[in-house]
C-alpha atoms as a PDB file:
ATOM      1  CA  HIS A   1      -3.540   5.625   4.169  1.00  0.00           C
ATOM      2  CA  GLN A   2      -2.643   3.925   7.154  1.00  0.00           C
ATOM      3  CA  ALA A   3      -4.975   6.432   9.423  1.00  0.00           C
ATOM      4  CA  ILE A   4      -7.422   6.664   6.982  1.00  0.00           C
ATOM      5  CA  VAL A   5      -8.348   2.605   6.946  1.00  0.00           C
ATOM      6  CA  GLU A   6      -8.048   2.732  10.737  1.00  0.00           C
ATOM      7  CA  ALA A   7     -10.713   5.412  10.740  1.00  0.00           C
ATOM      8  CA  TYR A   8     -12.951   3.721   8.033  1.00  0.00           C
ATOM      9  CA  GLY A   9     -12.803   0.722  10.726  1.00  0.00           C
ATOM     10  CA  GLY A  10      -9.956  -1.086   8.623  1.00  0.00           C
ATOM     11  CA  ILE A  11      -6.843  -2.789  10.843  1.00  0.00           C
ATOM     12  CA  ILE A  12      -3.487  -1.774  10.650  1.00  0.00           C
ATOM     13  CA  GLY A  13      -0.450  -4.506  11.643  1.00  0.00           C
ATOM     14  CA  TYR A  14       2.721  -4.943  11.595  1.00  0.00           C
ATOM     15  CA  ALA A  15       4.085  -6.671   8.547  1.00  0.00           C
ATOM     16  CA  GLY A  16       6.192  -8.990  10.109  1.00  0.00           C
ATOM     17  CA  GLU A  17       9.573  -7.751   8.570  1.00  0.00           C
ATOM     18  CA  ILE A  18      11.163  -4.579   8.772  1.00  0.00           C
ATOM     19  CA  PHE A  19      11.105  -2.337   5.334  1.00  0.00           C
ATOM     20  CA  HIS A  20      12.822   0.682   6.642  1.00  0.00           C
ATOM     21  CA  GLY A  21      14.973   1.872   3.431  1.00  0.00           C
ATOM     22  CA  ARG A  22      14.108  -1.163   0.878  1.00  0.00           C
ATOM     23  CA  ALA A  23      12.857  -0.866  -2.012  1.00  0.00           C
ATOM     24  CA  SER A  24       9.777  -2.356  -3.122  1.00  0.00           C
ATOM     25  CA  PHE A  25       7.495  -2.436  -6.323  1.00  0.00           C
ATOM     26  CA  ILE A  26       3.782  -1.272  -6.467  1.00  0.00           C
ATOM     27  CA  ASN A  27       1.373  -3.327  -9.103  1.00  0.00           C
ATOM     28  CA  HIS A  28      -1.212  -0.207  -9.901  1.00  0.00           C
ATOM     29  CA  ASP A  29      -4.285   0.149 -11.970  1.00  0.00           C
ATOM     30  CA  GLY A  30      -2.891   2.904 -13.834  1.00  0.00           C
ATOM     31  CA  LEU A  31      -5.696   5.255 -13.312  1.00  0.00           C
ATOM     32  CA  GLU A  32      -5.765   8.984 -12.415  1.00  0.00           C
ATOM     33  CA  MET A  33      -2.779   9.389  -9.748  1.00  0.00           C
ATOM     34  CA  PHE A  34      -1.279   6.469 -11.645  1.00  0.00           C
ATOM     35  CA  GLU A  35      -1.406   7.133 -14.893  1.00  0.00           C
ATOM     36  CA  GLY A  36       1.329   7.111 -16.838  1.00  0.00           C
ATOM     37  CA  LEU A  37       4.085   6.260 -14.328  1.00  0.00           C
ATOM     38  CA  PRO A  38       5.736   2.661 -14.799  1.00  0.00           C
ATOM     39  CA  HIS A  39       4.413  -0.819 -13.789  1.00  0.00           C
ATOM     40  CA  PRO A  40       4.879  -1.861 -11.778  1.00  0.00           C
ATOM     41  CA  LEU A  41       6.270   1.013  -9.818  1.00  0.00           C
ATOM     42  CA  PRO A  42       9.488   0.909  -7.815  1.00  0.00           C
ATOM     43  CA  VAL A  43       9.086   2.993  -4.142  1.00  0.00           C
ATOM     44  CA  ALA A  44      11.015   3.072  -1.460  1.00  0.00           C
ATOM     45  CA  ARG A  45       9.643   2.018   2.243  1.00  0.00           C
ATOM     46  CA  TYR A  46       9.382   4.242   5.407  1.00  0.00           C
ATOM     47  CA  HIS A  47       7.825   1.668   7.533  1.00  0.00           C
ATOM     48  CA  SER A  48       6.822  -1.950   8.232  1.00  0.00           C
ATOM     49  CA  LEU A  49       2.958  -1.509   8.933  1.00  0.00           C
ATOM     50  CA  ILE A  50       0.747  -3.171   6.328  1.00  0.00           C
ATOM     51  CA  CYS A  51      -3.289  -3.216   6.308  1.00  0.00           C
ATOM     52  CA  ASP A  52      -4.602  -6.225   7.892  1.00  0.00           C
ATOM     53  CA  LYS A  53      -8.411  -5.762   7.049  1.00  0.00           C
ATOM     54  CA  ILE A  54      -9.447  -3.080   4.106  1.00  0.00           C
ATOM     55  CA  PRO A  55     -12.850  -1.475   4.679  1.00  0.00           C
ATOM     56  CA  LYS A  56     -15.649  -3.651   2.714  1.00  0.00           C
ATOM     57  CA  ASN A  57     -16.586  -0.198   0.664  1.00  0.00           C
ATOM     58  CA  PHE A  58     -12.842   0.381  -0.528  1.00  0.00           C
ATOM     59  CA  ILE A  59     -11.577   0.010  -3.703  1.00  0.00           C
ATOM     60  CA  ILE A  60      -7.975  -1.649  -4.086  1.00  0.00           C
ATOM     61  CA  THR A  61      -5.992   0.300  -6.454  1.00  0.00           C
ATOM     62  CA  LEU A  62      -2.819  -0.920  -5.919  1.00  0.00           C
ATOM     63  CA  THR A  63      -0.932  -3.350  -4.510  1.00  0.00           C
ATOM     64  CA  LEU A  64       2.432  -3.818  -2.883  1.00  0.00           C
ATOM     65  CA  THR A  65       5.165  -6.507  -3.928  1.00  0.00           C
ATOM     66  CA  ILE A  66       7.164  -7.093  -1.117  1.00  0.00           C
END
């Protein structure tokens, strides 16, 4: 998703802390690709990047609990 955000004018930055190999939880909207998945959804982290600026025309469907 970082490449998509950047391609549409968003800004990618560093989370300020290393998260490689850690587990976090995703809070999602339960729709479409998230339908039927646990909420919050445990996920593995493999990088320490964040989207600092989201393009205006994007719809946020999930957030990450660090």
